[in-house]
């Protein structure tokens, strides 16, 4: 219950369990979303990387959104996440929407 209520550590543990032990379970995406929304740095980065890997300017913009939200949650990740944002923006598939 703590994971659903936004506890970052609990959400990360549940997401890890589903992601690695039960990757095909329909609940896996739900728990990854909960961990991302809870601000888990690992899962924020995981989500952003997956969005960029899927491609498309809107997914790249959403990846930037999650990284910026991650910075707001934990400023200790600012340098790392801003470097990732710059790297995403350099990709041809990300340029048009993210450079605005």
PDB file of N, CA and C in Angstrom:
ATOM      1  N   UNK A   1       0.812  -1.198   0.000  1.00  0.00           N
ATOM      2  CA  UNK A   1       0.000   0.000   0.000  1.00  0.00           C
ATOM      3  C   UNK A   1       0.858   1.265   0.000  1.00  0.00           C
ATOM      4  N   UNK A   2       2.009   1.220   0.657  1.00  0.00           N
ATOM      5  CA  UNK A   2       2.871   2.396   0.706  1.00  0.00           C
ATOM      6  C   UNK A   2       3.329   2.806  -0.686  1.00  0.00           C
ATOM      7  N   UNK A   3       3.574   1.831  -1.555  1.00  0.00           N
ATOM      8  CA  UNK A   3       4.016   2.144  -2.920  1.00  0.00           C
ATOM      9  C   UNK A   3       2.952   2.944  -3.660  1.00  0.00           C
ATOM     10  N   UNK A   4       1.709   2.535  -3.553  1.00  0.00           N
ATOM     11  CA  UNK A   4       0.612   3.216  -4.232  1.00  0.00           C
ATOM     12  C   UNK A   4       0.420   4.625  -3.681  1.00  0.00           C
ATOM     13  N   UNK A   5       0.740   4.818  -2.424  1.00  0.00           N
ATOM     14  CA  UNK A   5       0.572   6.120  -1.785  1.00  0.00           C
ATOM     15  C   UNK A   5       1.736   7.067  -2.073  1.00  0.00           C
ATOM     16  N   UNK A   6       2.711   6.606  -2.856  1.00  0.00           N
ATOM     17  CA  UNK A   6       3.783   7.496  -3.278  1.00  0.00           C
ATOM     18  C   UNK A   6       5.098   7.350  -2.543  1.00  0.00           C
ATOM     19  N   UNK A   7       5.236   6.327  -1.707  1.00  0.00           N
ATOM     20  CA  UNK A   7       6.512   6.105  -1.034  1.00  0.00           C
ATOM     21  C   UNK A   7       7.544   5.669  -2.081  1.00  0.00           C
ATOM     22  N   UNK A   8       8.570   6.504  -2.256  1.00  0.00           N
ATOM     23  CA  UNK A   8       9.545   6.286  -3.330  1.00  0.00           C
ATOM     24  C   UNK A   8      10.275   4.947  -3.217  1.00  0.00           C
ATOM     25  N   UNK A   9      10.730   4.609  -2.035  1.00  0.00           N
ATOM     26  CA  UNK A   9      11.475   3.362  -1.851  1.00  0.00           C
ATOM     27  C   UNK A   9      10.574   2.164  -2.123  1.00  0.00           C
ATOM     28  N   UNK A  10       9.388   2.172  -1.557  1.00  0.00           N
ATOM     29  CA  UNK A  10       8.456   1.059  -1.776  1.00  0.00           C
ATOM     30  C   UNK A  10       8.091   0.922  -3.249  1.00  0.00           C
ATOM     31  N   UNK A  11       7.806   2.049  -3.892  1.00  0.00           N
ATOM     32  CA  UNK A  11       7.446   2.014  -5.314  1.00  0.00           C
ATOM     33  C   UNK A  11       8.596   1.472  -6.154  1.00  0.00           C
ATOM     34  N   UNK A  12       9.809   1.866  -5.819  1.00  0.00           N
ATOM     35  CA  UNK A  12      10.976   1.373  -6.561  1.00  0.00           C
ATOM     36  C   UNK A  12      11.146  -0.131  -6.409  1.00  0.00           C
ATOM     37  N   UNK A  13      10.945  -0.612  -5.205  1.00  0.00           N
ATOM     38  CA  UNK A  13      11.080  -2.052  -4.960  1.00  0.00           C
ATOM     39  C   UNK A  13      10.017  -2.860  -5.706  1.00  0.00           C
ATOM     40  N   UNK A  14       8.790  -2.382  -5.682  1.00  0.00           N
ATOM     41  CA  UNK A  14       7.717  -3.097  -6.387  1.00  0.00           C
ATOM     42  C   UNK A  14       7.953  -3.044  -7.895  1.00  0.00           C
ATOM     43  N   UNK A  15       8.343  -1.879  -8.407  1.00  0.00           N
ATOM     44  CA  UNK A  15       8.623  -1.758  -9.843  1.00  0.00           C
ATOM     45  C   UNK A  15       9.770  -2.676 -10.251  1.00  0.00           C
ATOM     46  N   UNK A  16      10.801  -2.749  -9.424  1.00  0.00           N
ATOM     47  CA  UNK A  16      11.941  -3.632  -9.730  1.00  0.00           C
ATOM     48  C   UNK A  16      11.484  -5.082  -9.762  1.00  0.00           C
ATOM     49  N   UNK A  17      10.678  -5.474  -8.800  1.00  0.00           N
ATOM     50  CA  UNK A  17      10.181  -6.850  -8.773  1.00  0.00           C
ATOM     51  C   UNK A  17       9.435  -7.181 -10.064  1.00  0.00           C
ATOM     52  N   UNK A  18       8.498  -6.339 -10.418  1.00  0.00           N
ATOM     53  CA  UNK A  18       7.710  -6.605 -11.625  1.00  0.00           C
ATOM     54  C   UNK A  18       8.564  -6.525 -12.886  1.00  0.00           C
ATOM     55  N   UNK A  19       9.425  -5.540 -12.950  1.00  0.00           N
ATOM     56  CA  UNK A  19      10.217  -5.334 -14.156  1.00  0.00           C
ATOM     57  C   UNK A  19      11.179  -6.487 -14.424  1.00  0.00           C
ATOM     58  N   UNK A  20      11.786  -6.999 -13.369  1.00  0.00           N
ATOM     59  CA  UNK A  20      12.811  -8.027 -13.558  1.00  0.00           C
ATOM     60  C   UNK A  20      12.284  -9.443 -13.374  1.00  0.00           C
ATOM     61  N   UNK A  21      11.347  -9.649 -12.463  1.00  0.00           N
ATOM     62  CA  UNK A  21      10.837 -10.991 -12.208  1.00  0.00           C
ATOM     63  C   UNK A  21       9.605 -11.322 -13.038  1.00  0.00           C
ATOM     64  N   UNK A  22       8.849 -10.280 -13.422  1.00  0.00           N
ATOM     65  CA  UNK A  22       7.592 -10.503 -14.144  1.00  0.00           C
ATOM     66  C   UNK A  22       7.420  -9.478 -15.264  1.00  0.00           C
ATOM     67  N   UNK A  23       8.371  -9.400 -16.182  1.00  0.00           N
ATOM     68  CA  UNK A  23       8.328  -8.341 -17.197  1.00  0.00           C
ATOM     69  C   UNK A  23       7.092  -8.376 -18.101  1.00  0.00           C
ATOM     70  N   UNK A  24       6.489  -9.517 -18.277  1.00  0.00           N
ATOM     71  CA  UNK A  24       5.320  -9.621 -19.154  1.00  0.00           C
ATOM     72  C   UNK A  24       3.997  -9.430 -18.424  1.00  0.00           C
ATOM     73  N   UNK A  25       4.055  -9.253 -17.132  1.00  0.00           N
ATOM     74  CA  UNK A  25       2.841  -9.060 -16.338  1.00  0.00           C
ATOM     75  C   UNK A  25       2.208  -7.719 -16.714  1.00  0.00           C
ATOM     76  N   UNK A  26       0.904  -7.684 -16.929  1.00  0.00           N
ATOM     77  CA  UNK A  26       0.247  -6.429 -17.278  1.00  0.00           C
ATOM     78  C   UNK A  26       0.433  -5.319 -16.233  1.00  0.00           C
ATOM     79  N   UNK A  27       0.726  -5.673 -14.997  1.00  0.00           N
ATOM     80  CA  UNK A  27       0.906  -4.683 -13.926  1.00  0.00           C
ATOM     81  C   UNK A  27       2.297  -4.046 -13.932  1.00  0.00           C
ATOM     82  N   UNK A  28       3.212  -4.566 -14.729  1.00  0.00           N
ATOM     83  CA  UNK A  28       4.574  -4.045 -14.734  1.00  0.00           C
ATOM     84  C   UNK A  28       4.604  -2.563 -15.086  1.00  0.00           C
ATOM     85  N   UNK A  29       3.949  -2.172 -16.161  1.00  0.00           N
ATOM     86  CA  UNK A  29       3.929  -0.753 -16.561  1.00  0.00           C
ATOM     87  C   UNK A  29       3.291   0.115 -15.484  1.00  0.00           C
ATOM     88  N   UNK A  30       2.251  -0.393 -14.854  1.00  0.00           N
ATOM     89  CA  UNK A  30       1.600   0.351 -13.777  1.00  0.00           C
ATOM     90  C   UNK A  30       2.604   0.655 -12.662  1.00  0.00           C
ATOM     91  N   UNK A  31       3.347  -0.351 -12.228  1.00  0.00           N
ATOM     92  CA  UNK A  31       4.285  -0.151 -11.118  1.00  0.00           C
ATOM     93  C   UNK A  31       5.471   0.709 -11.522  1.00  0.00           C
ATOM     94  N   UNK A  32       5.901   0.610 -12.756  1.00  0.00           N
ATOM     95  CA  UNK A  32       6.961   1.516 -13.221  1.00  0.00           C
ATOM     96  C   UNK A  32       6.440   2.950 -13.202  1.00  0.00           C
ATOM     97  N   UNK A  33       5.218   3.152 -13.659  1.00  0.00           N
ATOM     98  CA  UNK A  33       4.616   4.494 -13.617  1.00  0.00           C
ATOM     99  C   UNK A  33       4.540   5.024 -12.191  1.00  0.00           C
ATOM    100  N   UNK A  34       4.144   4.178 -11.254  1.00  0.00           N
ATOM    101  CA  UNK A  34       4.058   4.598  -9.849  1.00  0.00           C
ATOM    102  C   UNK A  34       5.432   5.021  -9.343  1.00  0.00           C
ATOM    103  N   UNK A  35       6.459   4.245  -9.677  1.00  0.00           N
ATOM    104  CA  UNK A  35       7.818   4.586  -9.235  1.00  0.00           C
ATOM    105  C   UNK A  35       8.299   5.895  -9.860  1.00  0.00           C
ATOM    106  N   UNK A  36       7.992   6.090 -11.137  1.00  0.00           N
ATOM    107  CA  UNK A  36       8.371   7.342 -11.812  1.00  0.00           C
ATOM    108  C   UNK A  36       7.642   8.519 -11.168  1.00  0.00           C
ATOM    109  N   UNK A  37       6.353   8.378 -10.980  1.00  0.00           N
ATOM    110  CA  UNK A  37       5.561   9.448 -10.380  1.00  0.00           C
ATOM    111  C   UNK A  37       5.993   9.745  -8.942  1.00  0.00           C
ATOM    112  N   UNK A  38       6.544   8.743  -8.273  1.00  0.00           N
ATOM    113  CA  UNK A  38       7.028   8.921  -6.901  1.00  0.00           C
ATOM    114  C   UNK A  38       8.392   9.604  -6.866  1.00  0.00           C
ATOM    115  N   UNK A  39       9.008   9.764  -8.042  1.00  0.00           N
ATOM    116  CA  UNK A  39      10.286  10.473  -8.131  1.00  0.00           C
ATOM    117  C   UNK A  39      11.518   9.617  -7.976  1.00  0.00           C
ATOM    118  N   UNK A  40      11.390   8.320  -8.116  1.00  0.00           N
ATOM    119  CA  UNK A  40      12.547   7.441  -8.010  1.00  0.00           C
ATOM    120  C   UNK A  40      13.545   7.760  -9.119  1.00  0.00           C
ATOM    121  N   UNK A  41      14.763   8.183  -8.775  1.00  0.00           N
ATOM    122  CA  UNK A  41      15.740   8.561  -9.808  1.00  0.00           C
ATOM    123  C   UNK A  41      16.006   7.457 -10.837  1.00  0.00           C
ATOM    124  N   UNK A  42      16.152   6.227 -10.371  1.00  0.00           N
ATOM    125  CA  UNK A  42      16.403   5.127 -11.311  1.00  0.00           C
ATOM    126  C   UNK A  42      15.264   5.005 -12.312  1.00  0.00           C
ATOM    127  N   UNK A  43      14.015   5.030 -11.818  1.00  0.00           N
ATOM    128  CA  UNK A  43      12.872   4.811 -12.693  1.00  0.00           C
ATOM    129  C   UNK A  43      12.556   6.028 -13.552  1.00  0.00           C
ATOM    130  N   UNK A  44      12.843   7.224 -13.053  1.00  0.00           N
ATOM    131  CA  UNK A  44      12.697   8.428 -13.884  1.00  0.00           C
ATOM    132  C   UNK A  44      13.612   8.323 -15.098  1.00  0.00           C
ATOM    133  N   UNK A  45      14.867   7.966 -14.845  1.00  0.00           N
ATOM    134  CA  UNK A  45      15.828   7.832 -15.938  1.00  0.00           C
ATOM    135  C   UNK A  45      15.451   6.681 -16.867  1.00  0.00           C
ATOM    136  N   UNK A  46      15.004   5.584 -16.300  1.00  0.00           N
ATOM    137  CA  UNK A  46      14.564   4.428 -17.082  1.00  0.00           C
ATOM    138  C   UNK A  46      13.431   4.828 -18.031  1.00  0.00           C
ATOM    139  N   UNK A  47      12.434   5.545 -17.487  1.00  0.00           N
ATOM    140  CA  UNK A  47      11.291   5.976 -18.301  1.00  0.00           C
ATOM    141  C   UNK A  47      11.744   6.927 -19.410  1.00  0.00           C
ATOM    142  N   UNK A  48      12.574   7.912 -19.057  1.00  0.00           N
ATOM    143  CA  UNK A  48      13.045   8.885 -20.048  1.00  0.00           C
ATOM    144  C   UNK A  48      13.827   8.185 -21.162  1.00  0.00           C
ATOM    145  N   UNK A  49      14.729   7.301 -20.794  1.00  0.00           N
ATOM    146  CA  UNK A  49      15.520   6.585 -21.804  1.00  0.00           C
ATOM    147  C   UNK A  49      14.625   5.752 -22.719  1.00  0.00           C
ATOM    148  N   UNK A  50      13.628   5.092 -22.145  1.00  0.00           N
ATOM    149  CA  UNK A  50      12.718   4.285 -22.967  1.00  0.00           C
ATOM    150  C   UNK A  50      11.912   5.146 -23.925  1.00  0.00           C
ATOM    151  N   UNK A  51      11.454   6.300 -23.461  1.00  0.00           N
ATOM    152  CA  UNK A  51      10.706   7.197 -24.346  1.00  0.00           C
ATOM    153  C   UNK A  51      11.563   7.649 -25.518  1.00  0.00           C
ATOM    154  N   UNK A  52      12.800   8.027 -25.243  1.00  0.00           N
ATOM    155  CA  UNK A  52      13.693   8.481 -26.313  1.00  0.00           C
ATOM    156  C   UNK A  52      14.015   7.326 -27.264  1.00  0.00           C
ATOM    157  N   UNK A  53      14.203   6.152 -26.716  1.00  0.00           N
ATOM    158  CA  UNK A  53      14.493   4.979 -27.550  1.00  0.00           C
ATOM    159  C   UNK A  53      13.323   4.668 -28.484  1.00  0.00           C
ATOM    160  N   UNK A  54      12.095   4.887 -28.015  1.00  0.00           N
ATOM    161  CA  UNK A  54      10.917   4.663 -28.853  1.00  0.00           C
ATOM    162  C   UNK A  54      10.858   5.662 -30.003  1.00  0.00           C
ATOM    163  N   UNK A  55      11.438   6.823 -29.796  1.00  0.00           N
ATOM    164  CA  UNK A  55      11.531   7.824 -30.855  1.00  0.00           C
ATOM    165  C   UNK A  55      10.300   8.699 -30.977  1.00  0.00           C
ATOM    166  N   UNK A  56      10.492   9.775 -31.700  1.00  0.00           N
ATOM    167  CA  UNK A  56       9.415  10.728 -31.916  1.00  0.00           C
ATOM    168  C   UNK A  56       9.591  11.961 -31.052  1.00  0.00           C
ATOM    169  N   UNK A  57       9.276  13.084 -31.626  1.00  0.00           N
ATOM    170  CA  UNK A  57       9.515  14.337 -30.917  1.00  0.00           C
ATOM    171  C   UNK A  57       8.670  14.479 -29.653  1.00  0.00           C
ATOM    172  N   UNK A  58       7.459  13.981 -29.661  1.00  0.00           N
ATOM    173  CA  UNK A  58       6.618  14.107 -28.470  1.00  0.00           C
ATOM    174  C   UNK A  58       7.133  13.222 -27.338  1.00  0.00           C
ATOM    175  N   UNK A  59       7.612  12.039 -27.670  1.00  0.00           N
ATOM    176  CA  UNK A  59       8.182  11.170 -26.633  1.00  0.00           C
ATOM    177  C   UNK A  59       9.459  11.784 -26.065  1.00  0.00           C
ATOM    178  N   UNK A  60      10.250  12.402 -26.915  1.00  0.00           N
ATOM    179  CA  UNK A  60      11.461  13.077 -26.444  1.00  0.00           C
ATOM    180  C   UNK A  60      11.105  14.239 -25.520  1.00  0.00           C
ATOM    181  N   UNK A  61      10.071  14.976 -25.872  1.00  0.00           N
ATOM    182  CA  UNK A  61       9.628  16.084 -25.016  1.00  0.00           C
ATOM    183  C   UNK A  61       9.142  15.553 -23.674  1.00  0.00           C
ATOM    184  N   UNK A  62       8.471  14.437 -23.687  1.00  0.00           N
ATOM    185  CA  UNK A  62       7.999  13.835 -22.437  1.00  0.00           C
ATOM    186  C   UNK A  62       9.182  13.325 -21.606  1.00  0.00           C
ATOM    187  N   UNK A  63      10.192  12.802 -22.263  1.00  0.00           N
ATOM    188  CA  UNK A  63      11.396  12.371 -21.547  1.00  0.00           C
ATOM    189  C   UNK A  63      12.032  13.559 -20.831  1.00  0.00           C
ATOM    190  N   UNK A  64      12.099  14.691 -21.521  1.00  0.00           N
ATOM    191  CA  UNK A  64      12.643  15.890 -20.889  1.00  0.00           C
ATOM    192  C   UNK A  64      11.776  16.296 -19.697  1.00  0.00           C
ATOM    193  N   UNK A  65      10.484  16.230 -19.857  1.00  0.00           N
ATOM    194  CA  UNK A  65       9.574  16.560 -18.760  1.00  0.00           C
ATOM    195  C   UNK A  65       9.894  15.728 -17.521  1.00  0.00           C
ATOM    196  N   UNK A  66      10.038  14.411 -17.708  1.00  0.00           N
ATOM    197  CA  UNK A  66      10.298  13.541 -16.557  1.00  0.00           C
ATOM    198  C   UNK A  66      11.644  13.854 -15.921  1.00  0.00           C
ATOM    199  N   UNK A  67      12.655  14.134 -16.733  1.00  0.00           N
ATOM    200  CA  UNK A  67      13.961  14.466 -16.159  1.00  0.00           C
ATOM    201  C   UNK A  67      13.906  15.792 -15.404  1.00  0.00           C
ATOM    202  N   UNK A  68      13.207  16.759 -15.937  1.00  0.00           N
ATOM    203  CA  UNK A  68      13.075  18.047 -15.232  1.00  0.00           C
ATOM    204  C   UNK A  68      12.296  17.879 -13.928  1.00  0.00           C
ATOM    205  N   UNK A  69      11.306  17.038 -13.951  1.00  0.00           N
ATOM    206  CA  UNK A  69      10.573  16.741 -12.714  1.00  0.00           C
ATOM    207  C   UNK A  69      11.477  16.016 -11.717  1.00  0.00           C
ATOM    208  N   UNK A  70      12.343  15.160 -12.250  1.00  0.00           N
ATOM    209  CA  UNK A  70      13.316  14.484 -11.391  1.00  0.00           C
ATOM    210  C   UNK A  70      14.270  15.467 -10.732  1.00  0.00           C
ATOM    211  N   UNK A  71      14.687  16.470 -11.472  1.00  0.00           N
ATOM    212  CA  UNK A  71      15.560  17.517 -10.917  1.00  0.00           C
ATOM    213  C   UNK A  71      14.820  18.267  -9.814  1.00  0.00           C
ATOM    214  N   UNK A  72      13.555  18.570 -10.053  1.00  0.00           N
ATOM    215  CA  UNK A  72      12.771  19.285  -9.046  1.00  0.00           C
ATOM    216  C   UNK A  72      12.624  18.456  -7.765  1.00  0.00           C
ATOM    217  N   UNK A  73      12.508  17.139  -7.921  1.00  0.00           N
ATOM    218  CA  UNK A  73      12.373  16.251  -6.762  1.00  0.00           C
ATOM    219  C   UNK A  73      13.683  16.080  -6.013  1.00  0.00           C
ATOM    220  N   UNK A  74      14.766  16.029  -6.768  1.00  0.00           N
ATOM    221  CA  UNK A  74      16.081  15.813  -6.157  1.00  0.00           C
ATOM    222  C   UNK A  74      17.123  16.599  -6.939  1.00  0.00           C
ATOM    223  N   UNK A  75      17.431  17.823  -6.511  1.00  0.00           N
ATOM    224  CA  UNK A  75      18.391  18.671  -7.230  1.00  0.00           C
ATOM    225  C   UNK A  75      19.781  18.054  -7.375  1.00  0.00           C
ATOM    226  N   UNK A  76      20.066  17.025  -6.630  1.00  0.00           N
ATOM    227  CA  UNK A  76      21.352  16.349  -6.761  1.00  0.00           C
ATOM    228  C   UNK A  76      21.548  15.695  -8.122  1.00  0.00           C
ATOM    229  N   UNK A  77      20.471  15.505  -8.845  1.00  0.00           N
ATOM    230  CA  UNK A  77      20.545  14.897 -10.176  1.00  0.00           C
ATOM    231  C   UNK A  77      20.588  15.929 -11.291  1.00  0.00           C
ATOM    232  N   UNK A  78      20.626  17.199 -10.939  1.00  0.00           N
ATOM    233  CA  UNK A  78      20.545  18.266 -11.937  1.00  0.00           C
ATOM    234  C   UNK A  78      21.608  18.133 -13.026  1.00  0.00           C
ATOM    235  N   UNK A  79      22.853  17.996 -12.648  1.00  0.00           N
ATOM    236  CA  UNK A  79      23.930  17.924 -13.642  1.00  0.00           C
ATOM    237  C   UNK A  79      23.772  16.706 -14.553  1.00  0.00           C
ATOM    238  N   UNK A  80      23.501  15.567 -13.952  1.00  0.00           N
ATOM    239  CA  UNK A  80      23.349  14.335 -14.738  1.00  0.00           C
ATOM    240  C   UNK A  80      22.157  14.427 -15.693  1.00  0.00           C
ATOM    241  N   UNK A  81      21.010  14.884 -15.184  1.00  0.00           N
ATOM    242  CA  UNK A  81      19.811  14.942 -16.012  1.00  0.00           C
ATOM    243  C   UNK A  81      19.899  16.019 -17.076  1.00  0.00           C
ATOM    244  N   UNK A  82      20.520  17.146 -16.766  1.00  0.00           N
ATOM    245  CA  UNK A  82      20.674  18.179 -17.795  1.00  0.00           C
ATOM    246  C   UNK A  82      21.591  17.700 -18.913  1.00  0.00           C
ATOM    247  N   UNK A  83      22.595  16.896 -18.578  1.00  0.00           N
ATOM    248  CA  UNK A  83      23.458  16.312 -19.615  1.00  0.00           C
ATOM    249  C   UNK A  83      22.649  15.361 -20.493  1.00  0.00           C
ATOM    250  N   UNK A  84      21.771  14.580 -19.880  1.00  0.00           N
ATOM    251  CA  UNK A  84      20.922  13.667 -20.662  1.00  0.00           C
ATOM    252  C   UNK A  84      19.979  14.453 -21.559  1.00  0.00           C
ATOM    253  N   UNK A  85      19.408  15.536 -21.039  1.00  0.00           N
ATOM    254  CA  UNK A  85      18.509  16.370 -21.845  1.00  0.00           C
ATOM    255  C   UNK A  85      19.252  16.930 -23.054  1.00  0.00           C
ATOM    256  N   UNK A  86      20.468  17.410 -22.838  1.00  0.00           N
ATOM    257  CA  UNK A  86      21.276  17.936 -23.950  1.00  0.00           C
ATOM    258  C   UNK A  86      21.558  16.834 -24.967  1.00  0.00           C
ATOM    259  N   UNK A  87      21.839  15.645 -24.473  1.00  0.00           N
ATOM    260  CA  UNK A  87      22.106  14.518 -25.382  1.00  0.00           C
ATOM    261  C   UNK A  87      20.846  14.165 -26.164  1.00  0.00           C
ATOM    262  N   UNK A  88      19.702  14.142 -25.505  1.00  0.00           N
ATOM    263  CA  UNK A  88      18.444  13.863 -26.196  1.00  0.00           C
ATOM    264  C   UNK A  88      18.188  14.907 -27.281  1.00  0.00           C
ATOM    265  N   UNK A  89      18.396  16.166 -26.943  1.00  0.00           N
ATOM    266  CA  UNK A  89      18.136  17.250 -27.898  1.00  0.00           C
ATOM    267  C   UNK A  89      19.046  17.183 -29.117  1.00  0.00           C
ATOM    268  N   UNK A  90      20.198  16.537 -28.970  1.00  0.00           N
ATOM    269  CA  UNK A  90      21.118  16.435 -30.106  1.00  0.00           C
ATOM    270  C   UNK A  90      20.690  15.354 -31.096  1.00  0.00           C
ATOM    271  N   UNK A  91      19.782  14.513 -30.705  1.00  0.00           N
ATOM    272  CA  UNK A  91      19.312  13.443 -31.591  1.00  0.00           C
ATOM    273  C   UNK A  91      18.384  14.023 -32.656  1.00  0.00           C
ATOM    274  N   UNK A  92      18.565  13.641 -33.896  1.00  0.00           N
ATOM    275  CA  UNK A  92      17.719  14.172 -34.974  1.00  0.00           C
ATOM    276  C   UNK A  92      16.230  13.970 -34.741  1.00  0.00           C
ATOM    277  N   UNK A  93      15.842  12.852 -34.148  1.00  0.00           N
ATOM    278  CA  UNK A  93      14.413  12.584 -33.928  1.00  0.00           C
ATOM    279  C   UNK A  93      13.824  13.402 -32.792  1.00  0.00           C
ATOM    280  N   UNK A  94      14.663  14.085 -32.031  1.00  0.00           N
ATOM    281  CA  UNK A  94      14.173  14.866 -30.887  1.00  0.00           C
ATOM    282  C   UNK A  94      14.227  16.365 -31.126  1.00  0.00           C
ATOM    283  N   UNK A  95      14.928  16.825 -32.126  1.00  0.00           N
ATOM    284  CA  UNK A  95      15.218  18.241 -32.262  1.00  0.00           C
ATOM    285  C   UNK A  95      14.022  19.164 -32.393  1.00  0.00           C
ATOM    286  N   UNK A  96      13.109  18.894 -33.283  1.00  0.00           N
ATOM    287  CA  UNK A  96      12.086  19.887 -33.616  1.00  0.00           C
ATOM    288  C   UNK A  96      11.202  20.289 -32.451  1.00  0.00           C
ATOM    289  N   UNK A  97      10.677  19.340 -31.685  1.00  0.00           N
ATOM    290  CA  UNK A  97       9.776  19.673 -30.586  1.00  0.00           C
ATOM    291  C   UNK A  97      10.534  20.179 -29.360  1.00  0.00           C
ATOM    292  N   UNK A  98      11.725  19.645 -29.101  1.00  0.00           N
ATOM    293  CA  UNK A  98      12.438  19.973 -27.869  1.00  0.00           C
ATOM    294  C   UNK A  98      13.210  21.271 -27.970  1.00  0.00           C
ATOM    295  N   UNK A  99      13.458  21.758 -29.149  1.00  0.00           N
ATOM    296  CA  UNK A  99      14.266  22.966 -29.276  1.00  0.00           C
ATOM    297  C   UNK A  99      13.446  24.250 -29.163  1.00  0.00           C
ATOM    298  N   UNK A 100      12.159  24.111 -28.974  1.00  0.00           N
ATOM    299  CA  UNK A 100      11.287  25.288 -28.851  1.00  0.00           C
ATOM    300  C   UNK A 100      11.438  25.957 -27.521  1.00  0.00           C
TER     301      UNK A 100
END
